[in-house]
Structure formats: C-alpha cells, structure tokens
Amino acid sequence: MMKALQIFFLRVYEIINSMRNLGDKINDATIVENLLRSVTPNFNSEVFVIEEMQDSKSLIVEQLHGILIAFEMRKGDPS
C-alpha cells in the first residue's frame, strides 16, 4: 500500500510533467517553494530545517522528495 507522501509526490510529478509538456518553463525552485508551503504540519520541523540549513532555491524536486521520505521513515510514521 502506498503512503500518503508517495501518492502526493506521484501527483506532483504528474502535474509538473503536464505543465512542462504544455510549454510552461516552471523551474524547480518555484516548485520546491510551493511544496514546502503545502506539506502537512507533521513535516513542519523538516521544512524549518530545509529552509534554515539548506538553500531551498538550490534543491530540486527529487531531492526534496528524498529528504521528506527519509524524514518519514526515521519518524516511523504509519500513514
């Protein structure tokens, strides 16, 4: 069974690919900023760390996905 975060990112990738296929020049920094604002409150501490310790403008979507998956695995969240 897929976790909510995996389903969320599958949908995000689908939207990103659709936008880019239609010629939109959306960049990863914009996507990452929007994703950091949209994740559920249980990721607030990780979002804070990403914003304070890393340059979120240099992150790509796949890196953010990996960071949040790793955080969820460490936390042991069953959702």
N, C-alpha and C. Protein backbone atom coordinates (compact mmCIF):
# COMPACT_ATOMS: atom_id res chain seq x y z
N MET A 1 0.84 -1.19 0.00
CA MET A 1 0.00 0.00 0.00
C MET A 1 0.89 1.25 0.00
N MET A 2 0.52 2.20 -0.81
CA MET A 2 1.31 3.43 -0.92
C MET A 2 1.00 4.38 0.23
N LYS A 3 2.04 5.01 0.72
CA LYS A 3 1.85 6.01 1.76
C LYS A 3 1.37 7.31 1.14
N ALA A 4 0.77 8.14 1.97
CA ALA A 4 0.20 9.41 1.51
C ALA A 4 1.25 10.29 0.84
N LEU A 5 2.45 10.32 1.38
CA LEU A 5 3.52 11.15 0.81
C LEU A 5 3.90 10.67 -0.59
N GLN A 6 3.95 9.36 -0.78
CA GLN A 6 4.28 8.81 -2.10
C GLN A 6 3.19 9.18 -3.11
N ILE A 7 1.95 9.06 -2.70
CA ILE A 7 0.83 9.41 -3.58
C ILE A 7 0.87 10.90 -3.91
N PHE A 8 1.17 11.73 -2.91
CA PHE A 8 1.27 13.17 -3.11
C PHE A 8 2.33 13.49 -4.17
N PHE A 9 3.53 12.89 -4.03
CA PHE A 9 4.59 13.19 -4.98
C PHE A 9 4.33 12.62 -6.37
N LEU A 10 3.66 11.48 -6.46
CA LEU A 10 3.28 10.98 -7.78
C LEU A 10 2.38 11.99 -8.49
N ARG A 11 1.44 12.56 -7.76
CA ARG A 11 0.54 13.57 -8.34
C ARG A 11 1.32 14.84 -8.70
N VAL A 12 2.24 15.24 -7.84
CA VAL A 12 3.07 16.42 -8.12
C VAL A 12 3.86 16.22 -9.41
N TYR A 13 4.52 15.05 -9.55
CA TYR A 13 5.29 14.77 -10.77
C TYR A 13 4.39 14.78 -12.00
N GLU A 14 3.19 14.25 -11.86
CA GLU A 14 2.24 14.24 -12.98
C GLU A 14 1.90 15.66 -13.41
N ILE A 15 1.64 16.53 -12.44
CA ILE A 15 1.30 17.92 -12.73
C ILE A 15 2.50 18.65 -13.36
N ILE A 16 3.69 18.45 -12.79
CA ILE A 16 4.89 19.10 -13.31
C ILE A 16 5.12 18.68 -14.76
N ASN A 17 5.04 17.38 -15.03
CA ASN A 17 5.26 16.90 -16.39
C ASN A 17 4.22 17.45 -17.35
N SER A 18 2.97 17.52 -16.93
CA SER A 18 1.92 18.07 -17.78
C SER A 18 2.19 19.53 -18.10
N MET A 19 2.57 20.30 -17.09
CA MET A 19 2.86 21.72 -17.29
C MET A 19 4.03 21.90 -18.26
N ARG A 20 5.08 21.13 -18.05
CA ARG A 20 6.26 21.26 -18.91
C ARG A 20 5.96 20.79 -20.33
N ASN A 21 5.14 19.75 -20.48
CA ASN A 21 4.76 19.29 -21.82
C ASN A 21 3.93 20.33 -22.57
N LEU A 22 3.24 21.18 -21.82
CA LEU A 22 2.46 22.24 -22.44
C LEU A 22 3.29 23.50 -22.70
N GLY A 23 4.59 23.43 -22.38
CA GLY A 23 5.49 24.53 -22.69
C GLY A 23 5.76 25.48 -21.54
N ASP A 24 5.24 25.19 -20.35
CA ASP A 24 5.50 26.05 -19.19
C ASP A 24 6.95 25.90 -18.77
N LYS A 25 7.60 26.99 -18.48
CA LYS A 25 9.01 26.99 -18.10
C LYS A 25 9.18 27.03 -16.58
N ILE A 26 8.32 26.35 -15.85
CA ILE A 26 8.37 26.34 -14.39
C ILE A 26 9.69 25.72 -13.93
N ASN A 27 10.35 26.38 -12.97
CA ASN A 27 11.64 25.88 -12.51
C ASN A 27 11.50 25.15 -11.18
N ASP A 28 12.53 24.37 -10.84
CA ASP A 28 12.48 23.57 -9.62
C ASP A 28 12.39 24.43 -8.36
N ALA A 29 13.03 25.58 -8.35
CA ALA A 29 12.98 26.44 -7.15
C ALA A 29 11.55 26.86 -6.84
N THR A 30 10.79 27.20 -7.84
CA THR A 30 9.38 27.58 -7.65
C THR A 30 8.58 26.40 -7.14
N ILE A 31 8.80 25.24 -7.71
CA ILE A 31 8.08 24.04 -7.29
C ILE A 31 8.42 23.70 -5.85
N VAL A 32 9.70 23.71 -5.51
CA VAL A 32 10.13 23.38 -4.15
C VAL A 32 9.53 24.35 -3.15
N GLU A 33 9.55 25.63 -3.44
CA GLU A 33 8.97 26.63 -2.53
C GLU A 33 7.49 26.34 -2.30
N ASN A 34 6.76 26.03 -3.37
CA ASN A 34 5.34 25.73 -3.24
C ASN A 34 5.10 24.44 -2.47
N LEU A 35 5.93 23.45 -2.70
CA LEU A 35 5.78 22.19 -1.97
C LEU A 35 6.06 22.36 -0.48
N LEU A 36 7.08 23.15 -0.15
CA LEU A 36 7.39 23.38 1.26
C LEU A 36 6.23 24.07 1.98
N ARG A 37 5.49 24.89 1.26
CA ARG A 37 4.32 25.55 1.87
C ARG A 37 3.13 24.62 1.98
N SER A 38 3.10 23.57 1.16
CA SER A 38 1.89 22.76 1.09
C SER A 38 1.94 21.45 1.87
N VAL A 39 3.09 21.05 2.38
CA VAL A 39 3.15 19.78 3.11
C VAL A 39 2.39 19.89 4.43
N THR A 40 1.98 18.74 4.94
CA THR A 40 1.18 18.70 6.17
C THR A 40 2.01 19.16 7.37
N PRO A 41 1.32 19.58 8.44
CA PRO A 41 2.02 20.10 9.62
C PRO A 41 3.00 19.13 10.27
N ASN A 42 2.84 17.83 10.07
CA ASN A 42 3.79 16.90 10.69
C ASN A 42 5.19 17.00 10.07
N PHE A 43 5.33 17.75 8.98
CA PHE A 43 6.63 17.98 8.36
C PHE A 43 7.17 19.38 8.68
N ASN A 44 6.53 20.12 9.56
CA ASN A 44 6.96 21.49 9.86
C ASN A 44 8.40 21.57 10.32
N SER A 45 8.83 20.63 11.17
CA SER A 45 10.21 20.69 11.66
C SER A 45 11.20 20.46 10.52
N GLU A 46 10.88 19.54 9.62
CA GLU A 46 11.77 19.28 8.49
C GLU A 46 11.79 20.47 7.53
N VAL A 47 10.65 21.07 7.30
CA VAL A 47 10.59 22.25 6.43
C VAL A 47 11.44 23.37 7.02
N PHE A 48 11.35 23.55 8.34
CA PHE A 48 12.15 24.57 9.01
C PHE A 48 13.64 24.31 8.80
N VAL A 49 14.06 23.06 8.97
CA VAL A 49 15.47 22.71 8.80
C VAL A 49 15.92 22.96 7.35
N ILE A 50 15.08 22.56 6.41
CA ILE A 50 15.42 22.77 4.99
C ILE A 50 15.58 24.26 4.70
N GLU A 51 14.65 25.06 5.19
CA GLU A 51 14.70 26.50 4.93
C GLU A 51 15.87 27.18 5.63
N GLU A 52 16.25 26.70 6.82
CA GLU A 52 17.32 27.34 7.58
C GLU A 52 18.71 26.82 7.22
N MET A 53 18.83 25.52 7.00
CA MET A 53 20.15 24.93 6.82
C MET A 53 20.56 24.75 5.36
N GLN A 54 19.60 24.63 4.49
CA GLN A 54 19.91 24.42 3.08
C GLN A 54 19.32 25.57 2.29
N ASP A 55 19.88 25.80 1.15
CA ASP A 55 19.33 26.80 0.26
C ASP A 55 18.22 26.12 -0.53
N SER A 56 16.97 26.38 -0.16
CA SER A 56 15.85 25.71 -0.81
C SER A 56 15.78 26.05 -2.30
N LYS A 57 16.39 27.15 -2.69
CA LYS A 57 16.39 27.51 -4.10
C LYS A 57 17.31 26.62 -4.93
N SER A 58 18.24 25.93 -4.26
CA SER A 58 19.14 25.04 -4.99
C SER A 58 18.64 23.60 -5.00
N LEU A 59 17.61 23.31 -4.24
CA LEU A 59 17.05 21.96 -4.21
C LEU A 59 16.24 21.68 -5.47
N ILE A 60 16.30 20.45 -5.93
CA ILE A 60 15.40 20.04 -6.99
C ILE A 60 14.30 19.20 -6.36
N VAL A 61 13.23 19.01 -7.08
CA VAL A 61 12.05 18.33 -6.53
C VAL A 61 12.41 16.93 -6.04
N GLU A 62 13.23 16.22 -6.78
CA GLU A 62 13.61 14.86 -6.40
C GLU A 62 14.38 14.83 -5.08
N GLN A 63 15.22 15.84 -4.85
CA GLN A 63 15.95 15.92 -3.59
C GLN A 63 14.99 16.17 -2.43
N LEU A 64 14.05 17.08 -2.62
CA LEU A 64 13.06 17.34 -1.58
C LEU A 64 12.25 16.09 -1.29
N HIS A 65 11.85 15.39 -2.32
CA HIS A 65 11.11 14.14 -2.17
C HIS A 65 11.91 13.17 -1.31
N GLY A 66 13.18 12.98 -1.62
CA GLY A 66 14.04 12.08 -0.86
C GLY A 66 14.20 12.50 0.60
N ILE A 67 14.36 13.78 0.84
CA ILE A 67 14.51 14.29 2.20
C ILE A 67 13.26 14.00 3.02
N LEU A 68 12.09 14.28 2.43
CA LEU A 68 10.84 14.07 3.17
C LEU A 68 10.54 12.59 3.38
N ILE A 69 10.88 11.74 2.41
CA ILE A 69 10.70 10.30 2.58
C ILE A 69 11.61 9.79 3.70
N ALA A 70 12.87 10.24 3.71
CA ALA A 70 13.81 9.83 4.76
C ALA A 70 13.31 10.29 6.13
N PHE A 71 12.80 11.50 6.21
CA PHE A 71 12.27 12.02 7.47
C PHE A 71 11.10 11.16 7.93
N GLU A 72 10.21 10.81 7.01
CA GLU A 72 9.05 9.99 7.35
C GLU A 72 9.49 8.60 7.83
N MET A 73 10.50 8.04 7.19
CA MET A 73 10.99 6.72 7.58
C MET A 73 11.64 6.75 8.96
N ARG A 74 12.43 7.78 9.24
CA ARG A 74 13.07 7.92 10.55
C ARG A 74 12.03 8.10 11.64
N LYS A 75 11.00 8.84 11.31
CA LYS A 75 9.94 9.13 12.27
C LYS A 75 9.08 7.89 12.52
N GLY A 76 9.03 6.99 11.54
CA GLY A 76 8.22 5.79 11.68
C GLY A 76 6.75 6.06 11.55
N ASP A 77 6.40 7.08 10.75
CA ASP A 77 5.00 7.45 10.57
C ASP A 77 4.27 6.38 9.78
N PRO A 78 3.19 5.81 10.33
CA PRO A 78 2.49 4.72 9.65
C PRO A 78 1.56 5.16 8.52
N SER A 79 1.39 6.47 8.29
CA SER A 79 0.44 6.93 7.27
C SER A 79 0.91 6.72 5.87
